[in-house]
Amino acid sequence: ERSLIDEEDSLGAEELDEYGDQISDCKPESAVAYLTEYFD
């Protein structure tokens, strides 16, 4: 399945938001910072 982030009710956008929460306590911290910036 293909989901555009900028679409209304985008499943992909919801997943990105969830990932941001899920990785906050993960390691290594440098990867968390990289991914947090990359999600944008």
ModelCIF file with pLDDT and N, C-alpha, C, O atoms, coordinates in Angstrom:
data_MODEL
#
_entry.id   MODEL 
#
_entity.id                         1 
_entity.type                       polymer 
_entity.pdbx_number_of_molecules   1 
#
_entity_poly.entity_id                      1 
_entity_poly.type                           'polypeptide(L)' 
_entity_poly.nstd_linkage                   no 
_entity_poly.nstd_monomer                   no 
_entity_poly.pdbx_seq_one_letter_code       ERSLIDEEDSLGAEELDEYGDQISDCKPESAVAYLTEYFD 
_entity_poly.pdbx_seq_one_letter_code_can   ERSLIDEEDSLGAEELDEYGDQISDCKPESAVAYLTEYFD 
_entity_poly.pdbx_strand_id                 A 
#
loop_
_entity_poly_seq.entity_id 
_entity_poly_seq.num 
_entity_poly_seq.mon_id 
_entity_poly_seq.hetero 
1 1  GLU n 
1 2  ARG n 
1 3  SER n 
1 4  LEU n 
1 5  ILE n 
1 6  ASP n 
1 7  GLU n 
1 8  GLU n 
1 9  ASP n 
1 10 SER n 
1 11 LEU n 
1 12 GLY n 
1 13 ALA n 
1 14 GLU n 
1 15 GLU n 
1 16 LEU n 
1 17 ASP n 
1 18 GLU n 
1 19 TYR n 
1 20 GLY n 
1 21 ASP n 
1 22 GLN n 
1 23 ILE n 
1 24 SER n 
1 25 ASP n 
1 26 CYS n 
1 27 LYS n 
1 28 PRO n 
1 29 GLU n 
1 30 SER n 
1 31 ALA n 
1 32 VAL n 
1 33 ALA n 
1 34 TYR n 
1 35 LEU n 
1 36 THR n 
1 37 GLU n 
1 38 TYR n 
1 39 PHE n 
1 40 ASP n 
#
_struct_asym.id          A 
_struct_asym.entity_id   1 
#
loop_
_ma_qa_metric.id 
_ma_qa_metric.mode 
_ma_qa_metric.name 
_ma_qa_metric.software_group_id 
_ma_qa_metric.type 
1 global pLDDT . pLDDT 
2 local  pLDDT . pLDDT 
#
_ma_qa_metric_global.metric_id      1 
_ma_qa_metric_global.metric_value   92.85 
_ma_qa_metric_global.model_id       1 
_ma_qa_metric_global.ordinal_id     1 
#
loop_
_ma_qa_metric_local.label_asym_id 
_ma_qa_metric_local.label_comp_id 
_ma_qa_metric_local.label_seq_id 
_ma_qa_metric_local.metric_id 
_ma_qa_metric_local.metric_value 
_ma_qa_metric_local.model_id 
_ma_qa_metric_local.ordinal_id 
A GLU 1  2 96.00 1 1  
A ARG 2  2 96.00 1 2  
A SER 3  2 95.00 1 3  
A LEU 4  2 95.00 1 4  
A ILE 5  2 95.00 1 5  
A ASP 6  2 90.00 1 6  
A GLU 7  2 86.00 1 7  
A GLU 8  2 82.00 1 8  
A ASP 9  2 83.00 1 9  
A SER 10 2 84.00 1 10 
A LEU 11 2 85.00 1 11 
A GLY 12 2 86.00 1 12 
A ALA 13 2 89.00 1 13 
A GLU 14 2 90.00 1 14 
A GLU 15 2 89.00 1 15 
A LEU 16 2 90.00 1 16 
A ASP 17 2 91.00 1 17 
A GLU 18 2 92.00 1 18 
A TYR 19 2 93.00 1 19 
A GLY 20 2 90.00 1 20 
A ASP 21 2 92.00 1 21 
A GLN 22 2 93.00 1 22 
A ILE 23 2 96.00 1 23 
A SER 24 2 93.00 1 24 
A ASP 25 2 94.00 1 25 
A CYS 26 2 96.00 1 26 
A LYS 27 2 97.00 1 27 
A PRO 28 2 97.00 1 28 
A GLU 29 2 97.00 1 29 
A SER 30 2 97.00 1 30 
A ALA 31 2 97.00 1 31 
A VAL 32 2 97.00 1 32 
A ALA 33 2 97.00 1 33 
A TYR 34 2 97.00 1 34 
A LEU 35 2 97.00 1 35 
A THR 36 2 96.00 1 36 
A GLU 37 2 96.00 1 37 
A TYR 38 2 97.00 1 38 
A PHE 39 2 96.00 1 39 
A ASP 40 2 95.00 1 40 
#
loop_
_atom_site.group_PDB 
_atom_site.id 
_atom_site.type_symbol 
_atom_site.label_atom_id 
_atom_site.label_alt_id 
_atom_site.label_comp_id 
_atom_site.label_asym_id 
_atom_site.label_entity_id 
_atom_site.label_seq_id 
_atom_site.pdbx_PDB_ins_code 
_atom_site.Cartn_x 
_atom_site.Cartn_y 
_atom_site.Cartn_z 
_atom_site.occupancy 
_atom_site.B_iso_or_equiv 
_atom_site.pdbx_formal_charge 
_atom_site.auth_seq_id 
_atom_site.auth_comp_id 
_atom_site.auth_asym_id 
_atom_site.auth_atom_id 
_atom_site.pdbx_PDB_model_num 
ATOM 1   N N  . GLU A 1 1  ? 0.837  -1.199 0.000  1.00 96.00 ? 1  GLU A N  1 
ATOM 2   C CA . GLU A 1 1  ? 0.000  0.000  0.000  1.00 96.00 ? 1  GLU A CA 1 
ATOM 3   C C  . GLU A 1 1  ? 0.871  1.247  0.000  1.00 96.00 ? 1  GLU A C  1 
ATOM 4   O O  . GLU A 1 1  ? 1.939  1.286  0.610  1.00 96.00 ? 1  GLU A O  1 
ATOM 5   N N  . ARG A 1 2  ? 0.385  2.261  -0.699 1.00 96.00 ? 2  ARG A N  1 
ATOM 6   C CA . ARG A 1 2  ? 1.106  3.525  -0.836 1.00 96.00 ? 2  ARG A CA 1 
ATOM 7   C C  . ARG A 1 2  ? 0.278  4.631  -0.198 1.00 96.00 ? 2  ARG A C  1 
ATOM 8   O O  . ARG A 1 2  ? -0.900 4.790  -0.519 1.00 96.00 ? 2  ARG A O  1 
ATOM 9   N N  . SER A 1 3  ? 0.892  5.400  0.711  1.00 95.00 ? 3  SER A N  1 
ATOM 10  C CA . SER A 1 3  ? 0.172  6.450  1.436  1.00 95.00 ? 3  SER A CA 1 
ATOM 11  C C  . SER A 1 3  ? 0.963  7.754  1.413  1.00 95.00 ? 3  SER A C  1 
ATOM 12  O O  . SER A 1 3  ? 2.094  7.811  1.896  1.00 95.00 ? 3  SER A O  1 
ATOM 13  N N  . LEU A 1 4  ? 0.356  8.805  0.847  1.00 95.00 ? 4  LEU A N  1 
ATOM 14  C CA . LEU A 1 4  ? 0.993  10.118 0.822  1.00 95.00 ? 4  LEU A CA 1 
ATOM 15  C C  . LEU A 1 4  ? 0.818  10.815 2.160  1.00 95.00 ? 4  LEU A C  1 
ATOM 16  O O  . LEU A 1 4  ? -0.266 10.781 2.743  1.00 95.00 ? 4  LEU A O  1 
ATOM 17  N N  . ILE A 1 5  ? 1.867  11.439 2.646  1.00 95.00 ? 5  ILE A N  1 
ATOM 18  C CA . ILE A 1 5  ? 1.843  12.079 3.956  1.00 95.00 ? 5  ILE A CA 1 
ATOM 19  C C  . ILE A 1 5  ? 0.925  13.290 3.978  1.00 95.00 ? 5  ILE A C  1 
ATOM 20  O O  . ILE A 1 5  ? 0.261  13.544 4.983  1.00 95.00 ? 5  ILE A O  1 
ATOM 21  N N  . ASP A 1 6  ? 0.876  14.041 2.881  1.00 90.00 ? 6  ASP A N  1 
ATOM 22  C CA . ASP A 1 6  ? 0.128  15.294 2.860  1.00 90.00 ? 6  ASP A CA 1 
ATOM 23  C C  . ASP A 1 6  ? -1.368 15.114 2.588  1.00 90.00 ? 6  ASP A C  1 
ATOM 24  O O  . ASP A 1 6  ? -2.109 16.097 2.567  1.00 90.00 ? 6  ASP A O  1 
ATOM 25  N N  . GLU A 1 7  ? -1.820 13.884 2.382  1.00 86.00 ? 7  GLU A N  1 
ATOM 26  C CA . GLU A 1 7  ? -3.242 13.657 2.136  1.00 86.00 ? 7  GLU A CA 1 
ATOM 27  C C  . GLU A 1 7  ? -4.046 13.711 3.436  1.00 86.00 ? 7  GLU A C  1 
ATOM 28  O O  . GLU A 1 7  ? -3.525 13.434 4.516  1.00 86.00 ? 7  GLU A O  1 
ATOM 29  N N  . GLU A 1 8  ? -5.302 14.067 3.312  1.00 82.00 ? 8  GLU A N  1 
ATOM 30  C CA . GLU A 1 8  ? -6.189 14.087 4.476  1.00 82.00 ? 8  GLU A CA 1 
ATOM 31  C C  . GLU A 1 8  ? -6.394 12.662 4.976  1.00 82.00 ? 8  GLU A C  1 
ATOM 32  O O  . GLU A 1 8  ? -6.569 11.740 4.180  1.00 82.00 ? 8  GLU A O  1 
ATOM 33  N N  . ASP A 1 9  ? -6.372 12.484 6.288  1.00 83.00 ? 9  ASP A N  1 
ATOM 34  C CA . ASP A 1 9  ? -6.529 11.170 6.920  1.00 83.00 ? 9  ASP A CA 1 
ATOM 35  C C  . ASP A 1 9  ? -5.485 10.168 6.429  1.00 83.00 ? 9  ASP A C  1 
ATOM 36  O O  . ASP A 1 9  ? -5.788 8.990  6.238  1.00 83.00 ? 9  ASP A O  1 
ATOM 37  N N  . SER A 1 10 ? -4.268 10.638 6.229  1.00 84.00 ? 10 SER A N  1 
ATOM 38  C CA . SER A 1 10 ? -3.195 9.792  5.718  1.00 84.00 ? 10 SER A CA 1 
ATOM 39  C C  . SER A 1 10 ? -2.751 8.768  6.760  1.00 84.00 ? 10 SER A C  1 
ATOM 40  O O  . SER A 1 10 ? -2.386 9.123  7.881  1.00 84.00 ? 10 SER A O  1 
ATOM 41  N N  . LEU A 1 11 ? -2.788 7.485  6.371  1.00 85.00 ? 11 LEU A N  1 
ATOM 42  C CA . LEU A 1 11 ? -2.310 6.431  7.259  1.00 85.00 ? 11 LEU A CA 1 
ATOM 43  C C  . LEU A 1 11 ? -0.811 6.578  7.478  1.00 85.00 ? 11 LEU A C  1 
ATOM 44  O O  . LEU A 1 11 ? -0.313 6.343  8.579  1.00 85.00 ? 11 LEU A O  1 
ATOM 45  N N  . GLY A 1 12 ? -0.089 6.972  6.420  1.00 86.00 ? 12 GLY A N  1 
ATOM 46  C CA . GLY A 1 12 ? 1.346  7.169  6.539  1.00 86.00 ? 12 GLY A CA 1 
ATOM 47  C C  . GLY A 1 12 ? 1.700  8.239  7.549  1.00 86.00 ? 12 GLY A C  1 
ATOM 48  O O  . GLY A 1 12 ? 2.652  8.086  8.315  1.00 86.00 ? 12 GLY A O  1 
ATOM 49  N N  . ALA A 1 13 ? 0.930  9.336  7.556  1.00 89.00 ? 13 ALA A N  1 
ATOM 50  C CA . ALA A 1 13 ? 1.175  10.417 8.507  1.00 89.00 ? 13 ALA A CA 1 
ATOM 51  C C  . ALA A 1 13 ? 0.929  9.940  9.937  1.00 89.00 ? 13 ALA A C  1 
ATOM 52  O O  . ALA A 1 13 ? 1.662  10.311 10.855 1.00 89.00 ? 13 ALA A O  1 
ATOM 53  N N  . GLU A 1 14 ? -0.091 9.127  10.120 1.00 90.00 ? 14 GLU A N  1 
ATOM 54  C CA . GLU A 1 14 ? -0.378 8.576  11.448 1.00 90.00 ? 14 GLU A CA 1 
ATOM 55  C C  . GLU A 1 14 ? 0.772  7.685  11.911 1.00 90.00 ? 14 GLU A C  1 
ATOM 56  O O  . GLU A 1 14 ? 1.185  7.727  13.070 1.00 90.00 ? 14 GLU A O  1 
ATOM 57  N N  . GLU A 1 15 ? 1.276  6.880  10.982 1.00 89.00 ? 15 GLU A N  1 
ATOM 58  C CA . GLU A 1 15 ? 2.387  5.991  11.334 1.00 89.00 ? 15 GLU A CA 1 
ATOM 59  C C  . GLU A 1 15 ? 3.630  6.786  11.728 1.00 89.00 ? 15 GLU A C  1 
ATOM 60  O O  . GLU A 1 15 ? 4.320  6.424  12.681 1.00 89.00 ? 15 GLU A O  1 
ATOM 61  N N  . LEU A 1 16 ? 3.918  7.865  11.002 1.00 90.00 ? 16 LEU A N  1 
ATOM 62  C CA . LEU A 1 16 ? 5.079  8.690  11.338 1.00 90.00 ? 16 LEU A CA 1 
ATOM 63  C C  . LEU A 1 16 ? 4.957  9.267  12.740 1.00 90.00 ? 16 LEU A C  1 
ATOM 64  O O  . LEU A 1 16 ? 5.930  9.297  13.494 1.00 90.00 ? 16 LEU A O  1 
ATOM 65  N N  . ASP A 1 17 ? 3.754  9.726  13.086 1.00 91.00 ? 17 ASP A N  1 
ATOM 66  C CA . ASP A 1 17 ? 3.528  10.262 14.431 1.00 91.00 ? 17 ASP A CA 1 
ATOM 67  C C  . ASP A 1 17 ? 3.773  9.182  15.491 1.00 91.00 ? 17 ASP A C  1 
ATOM 68  O O  . ASP A 1 17 ? 4.367  9.443  16.537 1.00 91.00 ? 17 ASP A O  1 
ATOM 69  N N  . GLU A 1 18 ? 3.301  7.960  15.195 1.00 92.00 ? 18 GLU A N  1 
ATOM 70  C CA . GLU A 1 18 ? 3.495  6.855  16.132 1.00 92.00 ? 18 GLU A CA 1 
ATOM 71  C C  . GLU A 1 18 ? 4.975  6.506  16.275 1.00 92.00 ? 18 GLU A C  1 
ATOM 72  O O  . GLU A 1 18 ? 5.452  6.225  17.375 1.00 92.00 ? 18 GLU A O  1 
ATOM 73  N N  . TYR A 1 19 ? 5.693  6.526  15.154 1.00 93.00 ? 19 TYR A N  1 
ATOM 74  C CA . TYR A 1 19 ? 7.122  6.227  15.207 1.00 93.00 ? 19 TYR A CA 1 
ATOM 75  C C  . TYR A 1 19 ? 7.862  7.223  16.087 1.00 93.00 ? 19 TYR A C  1 
ATOM 76  O O  . TYR A 1 19 ? 8.755  6.848  16.846 1.00 93.00 ? 19 TYR A O  1 
ATOM 77  N N  . GLY A 1 20 ? 7.485  8.491  15.980 1.00 90.00 ? 20 GLY A N  1 
ATOM 78  C CA . GLY A 1 20 ? 8.129  9.508  16.801 1.00 90.00 ? 20 GLY A CA 1 
ATOM 79  C C  . GLY A 1 20 ? 8.015  9.191  18.274 1.00 90.00 ? 20 GLY A C  1 
ATOM 80  O O  . GLY A 1 20 ? 8.968  9.372  19.031 1.00 90.00 ? 20 GLY A O  1 
ATOM 81  N N  . ASP A 1 21 ? 6.827  8.708  18.689 1.00 92.00 ? 21 ASP A N  1 
ATOM 82  C CA . ASP A 1 21 ? 6.621  8.328  20.086 1.00 92.00 ? 21 ASP A CA 1 
ATOM 83  C C  . ASP A 1 21 ? 7.367  7.049  20.431 1.00 92.00 ? 21 ASP A C  1 
ATOM 84  O O  . ASP A 1 21 ? 7.955  6.940  21.507 1.00 92.00 ? 21 ASP A O  1 
ATOM 85  N N  . GLN A 1 22 ? 7.344  6.073  19.515 1.00 93.00 ? 22 GLN A N  1 
ATOM 86  C CA . GLN A 1 22 ? 7.926  4.759  19.784 1.00 93.00 ? 22 GLN A CA 1 
ATOM 87  C C  . GLN A 1 22 ? 9.441  4.800  19.940 1.00 93.00 ? 22 GLN A C  1 
ATOM 88  O O  . GLN A 1 22 ? 10.001 4.050  20.740 1.00 93.00 ? 22 GLN A O  1 
ATOM 89  N N  . ILE A 1 23 ? 10.106 5.665  19.188 1.00 96.00 ? 23 ILE A N  1 
ATOM 90  C CA . ILE A 1 23 ? 11.575 5.643  19.189 1.00 96.00 ? 23 ILE A CA 1 
ATOM 91  C C  . ILE A 1 23 ? 12.204 6.544  20.243 1.00 96.00 ? 23 ILE A C  1 
ATOM 92  O O  . ILE A 1 23 ? 13.421 6.522  20.429 1.00 96.00 ? 23 ILE A O  1 
ATOM 93  N N  . SER A 1 24 ? 11.391 7.334  20.932 1.00 93.00 ? 24 SER A N  1 
ATOM 94  C CA . SER A 1 24 ? 11.949 8.352  21.835 1.00 93.00 ? 24 SER A CA 1 
ATOM 95  C C  . SER A 1 24 ? 12.879 7.771  22.894 1.00 93.00 ? 24 SER A C  1 
ATOM 96  O O  . SER A 1 24 ? 13.839 8.429  23.295 1.00 93.00 ? 24 SER A O  1 
ATOM 97  N N  . ASP A 1 25 ? 12.612 6.547  23.353 1.00 94.00 ? 25 ASP A N  1 
ATOM 98  C CA . ASP A 1 25 ? 13.444 5.926  24.385 1.00 94.00 ? 25 ASP A CA 1 
ATOM 99  C C  . ASP A 1 25 ? 14.378 4.859  23.821 1.00 94.00 ? 25 ASP A C  1 
ATOM 100 O O  . ASP A 1 25 ? 15.004 4.123  24.584 1.00 94.00 ? 25 ASP A O  1 
ATOM 101 N N  . CYS A 1 26 ? 14.479 4.765  22.493 1.00 96.00 ? 26 CYS A N  1 
ATOM 102 C CA . CYS A 1 26 ? 15.316 3.735  21.871 1.00 96.00 ? 26 CYS A CA 1 
ATOM 103 C C  . CYS A 1 26 ? 16.777 4.175  21.827 1.00 96.00 ? 26 CYS A C  1 
ATOM 104 O O  . CYS A 1 26 ? 17.115 5.318  22.136 1.00 96.00 ? 26 CYS A O  1 
ATOM 105 N N  . LYS A 1 27 ? 17.626 3.239  21.436 1.00 97.00 ? 27 LYS A N  1 
ATOM 106 C CA . LYS A 1 27 ? 19.059 3.487  21.352 1.00 97.00 ? 27 LYS A CA 1 
ATOM 107 C C  . LYS A 1 27 ? 19.570 3.058  19.977 1.00 97.00 ? 27 LYS A C  1 
ATOM 108 O O  . LYS A 1 27 ? 18.952 2.211  19.332 1.00 97.00 ? 27 LYS A O  1 
ATOM 109 N N  . PRO A 1 28 ? 20.670 3.618  19.523 1.00 97.00 ? 28 PRO A N  1 
ATOM 110 C CA . PRO A 1 28 ? 21.433 4.707  20.143 1.00 97.00 ? 28 PRO A CA 1 
ATOM 111 C C  . PRO A 1 28 ? 20.748 6.061  19.977 1.00 97.00 ? 28 PRO A C  1 
ATOM 112 O O  . PRO A 1 28 ? 19.938 6.252  19.070 1.00 97.00 ? 28 PRO A O  1 
ATOM 113 N N  . GLU A 1 29 ? 21.078 6.984  20.850 1.00 97.00 ? 29 GLU A N  1 
ATOM 114 C CA . GLU A 1 29 ? 20.445 8.292  20.839 1.00 97.00 ? 29 GLU A CA 1 
ATOM 115 C C  . GLU A 1 29 ? 20.725 9.054  19.548 1.00 97.00 ? 29 GLU A C  1 
ATOM 116 O O  . GLU A 1 29 ? 19.887 9.833  19.095 1.00 97.00 ? 29 GLU A O  1 
ATOM 117 N N  . SER A 1 30 ? 21.891 8.837  18.957 1.00 97.00 ? 30 SER A N  1 
ATOM 118 C CA . SER A 1 30 ? 22.226 9.536  17.705 1.00 97.00 ? 30 SER A CA 1 
ATOM 119 C C  . SER A 1 30 ? 21.270 9.126  16.589 1.00 97.00 ? 30 SER A C  1 
ATOM 120 O O  . SER A 1 30 ? 20.923 9.942  15.735 1.00 97.00 ? 30 SER A O  1 
ATOM 121 N N  . ALA A 1 31 ? 20.840 7.849  16.594 1.00 97.00 ? 31 ALA A N  1 
ATOM 122 C CA . ALA A 1 31 ? 19.889 7.376  15.583 1.00 97.00 ? 31 ALA A CA 1 
ATOM 123 C C  . ALA A 1 31 ? 18.506 7.971  15.816 1.00 97.00 ? 31 ALA A C  1 
ATOM 124 O O  . ALA A 1 31 ? 17.798 8.301  14.865 1.00 97.00 ? 31 ALA A O  1 
ATOM 125 N N  . VAL A 1 32 ? 18.124 8.107  17.081 1.00 97.00 ? 32 VAL A N  1 
ATOM 126 C CA . VAL A 1 32 ? 16.825 8.723  17.401 1.00 97.00 ? 32 VAL A CA 1 
ATOM 127 C C  . VAL A 1 32 ? 16.784 10.152 16.880 1.00 97.00 ? 32 VAL A C  1 
ATOM 128 O O  . VAL A 1 32 ? 15.787 10.568 16.290 1.00 97.00 ? 32 VAL A O  1 
ATOM 129 N N  . ALA A 1 33 ? 17.853 10.903 17.093 1.00 97.00 ? 33 ALA A N  1 
ATOM 130 C CA . ALA A 1 33 ? 17.917 12.284 16.614 1.00 97.00 ? 33 ALA A CA 1 
ATOM 131 C C  . ALA A 1 33 ? 17.863 12.343 15.091 1.00 97.00 ? 33 ALA A C  1 
ATOM 132 O O  . ALA A 1 33 ? 17.166 13.180 14.518 1.00 97.00 ? 33 ALA A O  1 
ATOM 133 N N  . TYR A 1 34 ? 18.601 11.449 14.443 1.00 97.00 ? 34 TYR A N  1 
ATOM 134 C CA . TYR A 1 34 ? 18.616 11.391 12.974 1.00 97.00 ? 34 TYR A CA 1 
ATOM 135 C C  . TYR A 1 34 ? 17.222 11.090 12.436 1.00 97.00 ? 34 TYR A C  1 
ATOM 136 O O  . TYR A 1 34 ? 16.758 11.760 11.513 1.00 97.00 ? 34 TYR A O  1 
ATOM 137 N N  . LEU A 1 35 ? 16.550 10.090 13.000 1.00 97.00 ? 35 LEU A N  1 
ATOM 138 C CA . LEU A 1 35 ? 15.235 9.690  12.519 1.00 97.00 ? 35 LEU A CA 1 
ATOM 139 C C  . LEU A 1 35 ? 14.183 10.762 12.782 1.00 97.00 ? 35 LEU A C  1 
ATOM 140 O O  . LEU A 1 35 ? 13.329 11.023 11.935 1.00 97.00 ? 35 LEU A O  1 
ATOM 141 N N  . THR A 1 36 ? 14.248 11.375 13.944 1.00 96.00 ? 36 THR A N  1 
ATOM 142 C CA . THR A 1 36 ? 13.291 12.432 14.276 1.00 96.00 ? 36 THR A CA 1 
ATOM 143 C C  . THR A 1 36 ? 13.351 13.552 13.250 1.00 96.00 ? 36 THR A C  1 
ATOM 144 O O  . THR A 1 36 ? 12.319 14.080 12.836 1.00 96.00 ? 36 THR A O  1 
ATOM 145 N N  . GLU A 1 37 ? 14.545 13.908 12.846 1.00 96.00 ? 37 GLU A N  1 
ATOM 146 C CA . GLU A 1 37 ? 14.716 14.936 11.808 1.00 96.00 ? 37 GLU A CA 1 
ATOM 147 C C  . GLU A 1 37 ? 14.300 14.409 10.438 1.00 96.00 ? 37 GLU A C  1 
ATOM 148 O O  . GLU A 1 37 ? 13.722 15.142 9.635  1.00 96.00 ? 37 GLU A O  1 
ATOM 149 N N  . TYR A 1 38 ? 14.591 13.155 10.178 1.00 97.00 ? 38 TYR A N  1 
ATOM 150 C CA . TYR A 1 38 ? 14.294 12.575 8.861  1.00 97.00 ? 38 TYR A CA 1 
ATOM 151 C C  . TYR A 1 38 ? 12.785 12.471 8.616  1.00 97.00 ? 38 TYR A C  1 
ATOM 152 O O  . TYR A 1 38 ? 12.325 12.664 7.490  1.00 97.00 ? 38 TYR A O  1 
ATOM 153 N N  . PHE A 1 39 ? 12.030 12.172 9.646  1.00 96.00 ? 39 PHE A N  1 
ATOM 154 C CA . PHE A 1 39 ? 10.582 12.018 9.490  1.00 96.00 ? 39 PHE A CA 1 
ATOM 155 C C  . PHE A 1 39 ? 9.945  13.250 8.857  1.00 96.00 ? 39 PHE A C  1 
ATOM 156 O O  . PHE A 1 39 ? 8.941  13.131 8.154  1.00 96.00 ? 39 PHE A O  1 
ATOM 157 N N  . ASP A 1 40 ? 10.506 14.420 9.092  1.00 95.00 ? 40 ASP A N  1 
ATOM 158 C CA . ASP A 1 40 ? 9.961  15.648 8.512  1.00 95.00 ? 40 ASP A CA 1 
ATOM 159 C C  . ASP A 1 40 ? 10.146 15.706 6.995  1.00 95.00 ? 40 ASP A C  1 
ATOM 160 O O  . ASP A 1 40 ? 9.739  16.678 6.360  1.00 95.00 ? 40 ASP A O  1 
#
